[in-house]
């Protein structure tokens, strides 16, 4: 029974990641990697600071990965991805605008 499940899982993964590999799959995977990189940036920055911080790079990775994932969702006609990433991208852009506005007022410096 376990061997059968293992073979079915292997067949599924082959079908999803190899047999159906095309430009959009590669684009979507890169988008997801970019989006995931934001967590590494945030984690490393927090470890260096010794407290939880959200660096500016977190928001740029969020925006870049979110926009790429949105494009992927539009190209693949995936309404869940389109709705989720469209709303999230608005929040990422707004956070970047607020940070830049705050920096322009001189109230705090931009984090790394």
N, C-alpha and C. Protein backbone atom coordinates (compact mmCIF):
# COMPACT_ATOMS: atom_id res chain seq x y z
N UNK A 1 0.82 -1.19 0.00
CA UNK A 1 0.00 0.00 0.00
C UNK A 1 0.87 1.26 0.00
N UNK A 2 1.87 1.33 0.87
CA UNK A 2 2.75 2.49 0.91
C UNK A 2 3.52 2.65 -0.40
N UNK A 3 3.93 1.53 -0.98
CA UNK A 3 4.66 1.58 -2.25
C UNK A 3 3.77 2.16 -3.34
N UNK A 4 2.49 1.77 -3.35
CA UNK A 4 1.55 2.29 -4.34
C UNK A 4 1.38 3.80 -4.17
N UNK A 5 1.22 4.27 -2.92
CA UNK A 5 1.09 5.71 -2.66
C UNK A 5 2.35 6.46 -3.09
N UNK A 6 3.49 5.86 -2.83
CA UNK A 6 4.75 6.48 -3.23
C UNK A 6 4.85 6.60 -4.74
N UNK A 7 4.44 5.57 -5.45
CA UNK A 7 4.47 5.61 -6.91
C UNK A 7 3.48 6.64 -7.45
N UNK A 8 2.30 6.71 -6.85
CA UNK A 8 1.30 7.69 -7.29
C UNK A 8 1.78 9.11 -7.03
N UNK A 9 2.41 9.31 -5.88
CA UNK A 9 2.98 10.63 -5.58
C UNK A 9 4.07 10.99 -6.58
N UNK A 10 4.94 10.03 -6.88
CA UNK A 10 5.99 10.25 -7.87
C UNK A 10 5.42 10.59 -9.24
N UNK A 11 4.38 9.87 -9.65
CA UNK A 11 3.71 10.15 -10.93
C UNK A 11 3.10 11.54 -10.94
N UNK A 12 2.47 11.90 -9.84
CA UNK A 12 1.85 13.23 -9.73
C UNK A 12 2.91 14.33 -9.83
N UNK A 13 3.98 14.19 -9.06
CA UNK A 13 5.04 15.21 -9.08
C UNK A 13 5.69 15.30 -10.44
N UNK A 14 5.89 14.17 -11.10
CA UNK A 14 6.45 14.18 -12.45
C UNK A 14 5.52 14.93 -13.40
N UNK A 15 4.22 14.64 -13.32
CA UNK A 15 3.24 15.29 -14.19
C UNK A 15 3.22 16.80 -13.97
N UNK A 16 3.23 17.22 -12.70
CA UNK A 16 3.12 18.65 -12.38
C UNK A 16 4.40 19.42 -12.71
N UNK A 17 5.57 18.86 -12.35
CA UNK A 17 6.81 19.63 -12.45
C UNK A 17 7.67 19.32 -13.67
N UNK A 18 7.45 18.20 -14.33
CA UNK A 18 8.28 17.84 -15.48
C UNK A 18 7.46 17.82 -16.77
N UNK A 19 6.41 17.01 -16.81
CA UNK A 19 5.63 16.85 -18.03
C UNK A 19 4.97 18.15 -18.47
N UNK A 20 4.55 18.95 -17.50
CA UNK A 20 3.85 20.20 -17.82
C UNK A 20 4.75 21.42 -17.73
N UNK A 21 6.07 21.22 -17.70
CA UNK A 21 6.99 22.33 -17.57
C UNK A 21 6.94 23.21 -18.81
N UNK A 22 6.73 24.50 -18.60
CA UNK A 22 6.72 25.47 -19.68
C UNK A 22 7.17 26.82 -19.12
N UNK A 23 7.12 27.84 -19.95
CA UNK A 23 7.55 29.18 -19.53
C UNK A 23 6.80 29.64 -18.29
N UNK A 24 5.48 29.45 -18.27
CA UNK A 24 4.68 29.97 -17.15
C UNK A 24 4.96 29.24 -15.84
N UNK A 25 5.26 27.96 -15.93
CA UNK A 25 5.64 27.25 -14.71
C UNK A 25 6.96 27.80 -14.18
N UNK A 26 7.93 28.00 -15.07
CA UNK A 26 9.21 28.58 -14.65
C UNK A 26 9.01 29.98 -14.07
N UNK A 27 8.20 30.80 -14.72
CA UNK A 27 7.90 32.15 -14.26
C UNK A 27 7.26 32.11 -12.87
N UNK A 28 6.28 31.22 -12.70
CA UNK A 28 5.59 31.10 -11.42
C UNK A 28 6.51 30.62 -10.31
N UNK A 29 7.41 29.70 -10.63
CA UNK A 29 8.37 29.22 -9.63
C UNK A 29 9.34 30.33 -9.22
N UNK A 30 9.81 31.11 -10.18
CA UNK A 30 10.70 32.24 -9.87
C UNK A 30 9.96 33.27 -9.03
N UNK A 31 8.70 33.53 -9.37
CA UNK A 31 7.89 34.47 -8.59
C UNK A 31 7.77 34.00 -7.15
N UNK A 32 7.52 32.71 -6.97
CA UNK A 32 7.37 32.17 -5.63
C UNK A 32 8.68 32.22 -4.86
N UNK A 33 9.79 31.96 -5.53
CA UNK A 33 11.10 32.06 -4.87
C UNK A 33 11.40 33.49 -4.44
N UNK A 34 11.08 34.45 -5.30
CA UNK A 34 11.27 35.86 -4.96
C UNK A 34 10.40 36.24 -3.77
N UNK A 35 9.17 35.79 -3.79
CA UNK A 35 8.24 36.08 -2.70
C UNK A 35 8.73 35.45 -1.39
N UNK A 36 9.24 34.23 -1.48
CA UNK A 36 9.74 33.54 -0.29
C UNK A 36 11.01 34.18 0.25
N UNK A 37 11.80 34.79 -0.61
CA UNK A 37 13.05 35.43 -0.18
C UNK A 37 12.79 36.52 0.85
N UNK A 38 11.61 37.10 0.84
CA UNK A 38 11.30 38.16 1.79
C UNK A 38 11.38 37.65 3.23
N UNK A 39 11.00 36.39 3.44
CA UNK A 39 11.06 35.83 4.78
C UNK A 39 12.51 35.64 5.24
N UNK A 40 13.38 35.24 4.32
CA UNK A 40 14.79 35.13 4.66
C UNK A 40 15.38 36.49 5.03
N UNK A 41 15.05 37.50 4.24
CA UNK A 41 15.53 38.86 4.51
C UNK A 41 15.06 39.33 5.88
N UNK A 42 13.79 39.09 6.17
CA UNK A 42 13.24 39.52 7.46
C UNK A 42 13.87 38.76 8.61
N UNK A 43 14.06 37.49 8.45
CA UNK A 43 14.65 36.65 9.50
C UNK A 43 16.10 37.07 9.79
N UNK A 44 16.90 37.24 8.73
CA UNK A 44 18.30 37.64 8.90
C UNK A 44 18.38 39.01 9.56
N UNK A 45 17.56 39.96 9.12
CA UNK A 45 17.55 41.30 9.71
C UNK A 45 17.17 41.25 11.19
N UNK A 46 16.19 40.44 11.52
CA UNK A 46 15.75 40.32 12.91
C UNK A 46 16.84 39.69 13.78
N UNK A 47 17.51 38.67 13.25
CA UNK A 47 18.59 38.04 14.01
C UNK A 47 19.72 39.03 14.26
N UNK A 48 20.06 39.83 13.26
CA UNK A 48 21.13 40.82 13.42
C UNK A 48 20.76 41.89 14.44
N UNK A 49 19.48 42.29 14.43
CA UNK A 49 19.02 43.34 15.34
C UNK A 49 18.71 42.81 16.74
N UNK A 50 18.53 41.50 16.84
CA UNK A 50 18.18 40.92 18.13
C UNK A 50 16.74 41.16 18.52
N UNK A 51 15.93 41.57 17.56
CA UNK A 51 14.50 41.79 17.77
C UNK A 51 13.80 41.69 16.42
N UNK A 52 12.50 41.58 16.44
CA UNK A 52 11.75 41.47 15.19
C UNK A 52 11.72 42.80 14.46
N UNK A 53 12.22 42.80 13.24
CA UNK A 53 12.21 44.01 12.40
C UNK A 53 11.71 43.64 11.01
N UNK A 54 11.20 44.64 10.30
CA UNK A 54 10.75 44.45 8.92
C UNK A 54 11.52 45.45 8.05
N UNK A 55 12.58 44.98 7.39
CA UNK A 55 13.40 45.88 6.58
C UNK A 55 12.70 46.28 5.28
N UNK A 56 13.16 47.36 4.69
CA UNK A 56 12.60 47.85 3.43
C UNK A 56 12.67 46.77 2.35
N UNK A 57 13.75 45.99 2.34
CA UNK A 57 13.89 44.92 1.34
C UNK A 57 12.73 43.92 1.41
N UNK A 58 12.19 43.70 2.61
CA UNK A 58 11.03 42.81 2.77
C UNK A 58 9.88 43.28 1.88
N UNK A 59 9.63 44.59 1.89
CA UNK A 59 8.51 45.12 1.12
C UNK A 59 8.78 45.08 -0.37
N UNK A 60 10.05 45.27 -0.78
CA UNK A 60 10.38 45.18 -2.20
C UNK A 60 10.27 43.74 -2.70
N UNK A 61 10.74 42.77 -1.90
CA UNK A 61 10.58 41.37 -2.29
C UNK A 61 9.09 41.01 -2.33
N UNK A 62 8.32 41.51 -1.38
CA UNK A 62 6.88 41.25 -1.35
C UNK A 62 6.22 41.78 -2.61
N UNK A 63 6.55 43.03 -2.96
CA UNK A 63 5.94 43.66 -4.13
C UNK A 63 6.37 42.94 -5.41
N UNK A 64 7.66 42.66 -5.56
CA UNK A 64 8.14 41.99 -6.77
C UNK A 64 7.56 40.60 -6.93
N UNK A 65 7.63 39.81 -5.86
CA UNK A 65 7.08 38.46 -5.90
C UNK A 65 5.58 38.47 -6.07
N UNK A 66 4.91 39.41 -5.40
CA UNK A 66 3.45 39.52 -5.51
C UNK A 66 3.01 39.90 -6.92
N UNK A 67 3.71 40.87 -7.53
CA UNK A 67 3.36 41.27 -8.89
C UNK A 67 3.61 40.15 -9.89
N UNK A 68 4.73 39.45 -9.72
CA UNK A 68 5.01 38.33 -10.63
C UNK A 68 3.97 37.22 -10.45
N UNK A 69 3.58 36.95 -9.22
CA UNK A 69 2.57 35.93 -8.97
C UNK A 69 1.22 36.37 -9.52
N UNK A 70 0.92 37.67 -9.44
CA UNK A 70 -0.31 38.21 -10.03
C UNK A 70 -0.31 38.01 -11.55
N UNK A 71 0.80 38.32 -12.20
CA UNK A 71 0.91 38.11 -13.65
C UNK A 71 0.72 36.63 -13.98
N UNK A 72 1.33 35.77 -13.19
CA UNK A 72 1.17 34.33 -13.38
C UNK A 72 -0.30 33.93 -13.25
N UNK A 73 -0.98 34.43 -12.22
CA UNK A 73 -2.39 34.12 -12.01
C UNK A 73 -3.26 34.59 -13.16
N UNK A 74 -2.95 35.78 -13.69
CA UNK A 74 -3.70 36.30 -14.83
C UNK A 74 -3.47 35.43 -16.06
N UNK A 75 -2.20 35.08 -16.30
CA UNK A 75 -1.88 34.26 -17.47
C UNK A 75 -2.51 32.88 -17.38
N UNK A 76 -2.56 32.32 -16.19
CA UNK A 76 -3.12 30.98 -16.00
C UNK A 76 -4.62 31.01 -15.69
N UNK A 77 -5.20 32.22 -15.61
CA UNK A 77 -6.63 32.40 -15.34
C UNK A 77 -7.05 31.75 -14.02
N UNK A 78 -6.29 32.06 -12.98
CA UNK A 78 -6.53 31.52 -11.64
C UNK A 78 -7.15 32.61 -10.76
N UNK A 79 -8.47 32.61 -10.58
CA UNK A 79 -9.12 33.70 -9.84
C UNK A 79 -8.66 33.82 -8.39
N UNK A 80 -8.34 32.72 -7.71
CA UNK A 80 -7.89 32.80 -6.33
C UNK A 80 -6.56 33.55 -6.24
N UNK A 81 -5.64 33.23 -7.13
CA UNK A 81 -4.35 33.92 -7.15
C UNK A 81 -4.53 35.38 -7.53
N UNK A 82 -5.36 35.65 -8.54
CA UNK A 82 -5.58 37.03 -8.98
C UNK A 82 -6.12 37.89 -7.84
N UNK A 83 -7.17 37.43 -7.18
CA UNK A 83 -7.76 38.22 -6.09
C UNK A 83 -6.80 38.39 -4.92
N UNK A 84 -6.16 37.31 -4.52
CA UNK A 84 -5.24 37.37 -3.38
C UNK A 84 -4.05 38.27 -3.63
N UNK A 85 -3.42 38.14 -4.79
CA UNK A 85 -2.23 38.93 -5.05
C UNK A 85 -2.55 40.38 -5.41
N UNK A 86 -3.69 40.62 -6.03
CA UNK A 86 -4.06 42.01 -6.35
C UNK A 86 -4.24 42.81 -5.06
N UNK A 87 -4.94 42.23 -4.10
CA UNK A 87 -5.16 42.93 -2.82
C UNK A 87 -3.85 43.08 -2.04
N UNK A 88 -3.05 42.02 -2.00
CA UNK A 88 -1.80 42.06 -1.24
C UNK A 88 -0.83 43.06 -1.85
N UNK A 89 -0.77 43.13 -3.17
CA UNK A 89 0.17 44.04 -3.83
C UNK A 89 -0.17 45.50 -3.50
N UNK A 90 -1.44 45.82 -3.38
CA UNK A 90 -1.84 47.17 -2.98
C UNK A 90 -1.27 47.50 -1.60
N UNK A 91 -1.32 46.54 -0.69
CA UNK A 91 -0.78 46.75 0.66
C UNK A 91 0.73 46.93 0.62
N UNK A 92 1.43 46.14 -0.18
CA UNK A 92 2.89 46.25 -0.27
C UNK A 92 3.28 47.62 -0.80
N UNK A 93 2.62 48.06 -1.87
CA UNK A 93 2.92 49.37 -2.46
C UNK A 93 2.64 50.48 -1.44
N UNK A 94 1.54 50.37 -0.75
CA UNK A 94 1.18 51.40 0.25
C UNK A 94 2.21 51.45 1.38
N UNK A 95 2.67 50.31 1.86
CA UNK A 95 3.69 50.31 2.90
C UNK A 95 4.98 50.97 2.42
N UNK A 96 5.38 50.69 1.20
CA UNK A 96 6.58 51.33 0.64
C UNK A 96 6.37 52.84 0.56
N UNK A 97 5.18 53.28 0.13
CA UNK A 97 4.88 54.71 0.06
C UNK A 97 4.96 55.37 1.44
N UNK A 98 4.43 54.70 2.45
CA UNK A 98 4.47 55.25 3.81
C UNK A 98 5.89 55.35 4.35
N UNK A 99 6.71 54.34 4.06
CA UNK A 99 8.10 54.36 4.51
C UNK A 99 8.87 55.49 3.83
N UNK A 100 8.68 55.63 2.53
CA UNK A 100 9.36 56.70 1.78
C UNK A 100 8.89 58.06 2.27
N UNK A 101 7.59 58.22 2.50
CA UNK A 101 7.05 59.49 3.02
C UNK A 101 7.64 59.81 4.39
N UNK A 102 7.74 58.81 5.24
CA UNK A 102 8.31 58.99 6.57
C UNK A 102 9.78 59.38 6.47
N UNK A 103 10.51 58.75 5.56
CA UNK A 103 11.92 59.07 5.37
C UNK A 103 12.10 60.49 4.84
N UNK A 104 11.22 60.89 3.92
CA UNK A 104 11.31 62.24 3.36
C UNK A 104 11.09 63.31 4.43
N UNK A 105 10.25 63.01 5.42
CA UNK A 105 10.03 63.95 6.53
C UNK A 105 11.22 63.97 7.49
N UNK A 106 12.09 62.97 7.35
CA UNK A 106 13.26 62.91 8.21
C UNK A 106 12.99 62.35 9.58
N UNK A 107 11.83 61.75 9.79
CA UNK A 107 11.49 61.26 11.12
C UNK A 107 12.23 59.97 11.46
N UNK A 108 12.62 59.19 10.46
CA UNK A 108 13.41 57.99 10.71
C UNK A 108 14.13 57.60 9.43
N UNK A 109 15.22 56.91 9.57
CA UNK A 109 15.97 56.49 8.39
C UNK A 109 15.42 55.18 7.86
N UNK A 110 15.63 54.95 6.57
CA UNK A 110 15.20 53.70 5.96
C UNK A 110 16.07 52.56 6.45
N UNK A 111 15.46 51.48 6.89
CA UNK A 111 16.27 50.31 7.28
C UNK A 111 16.88 49.63 6.07
N UNK A 112 17.91 48.83 6.31
CA UNK A 112 18.57 48.10 5.21
C UNK A 112 17.69 47.05 4.66
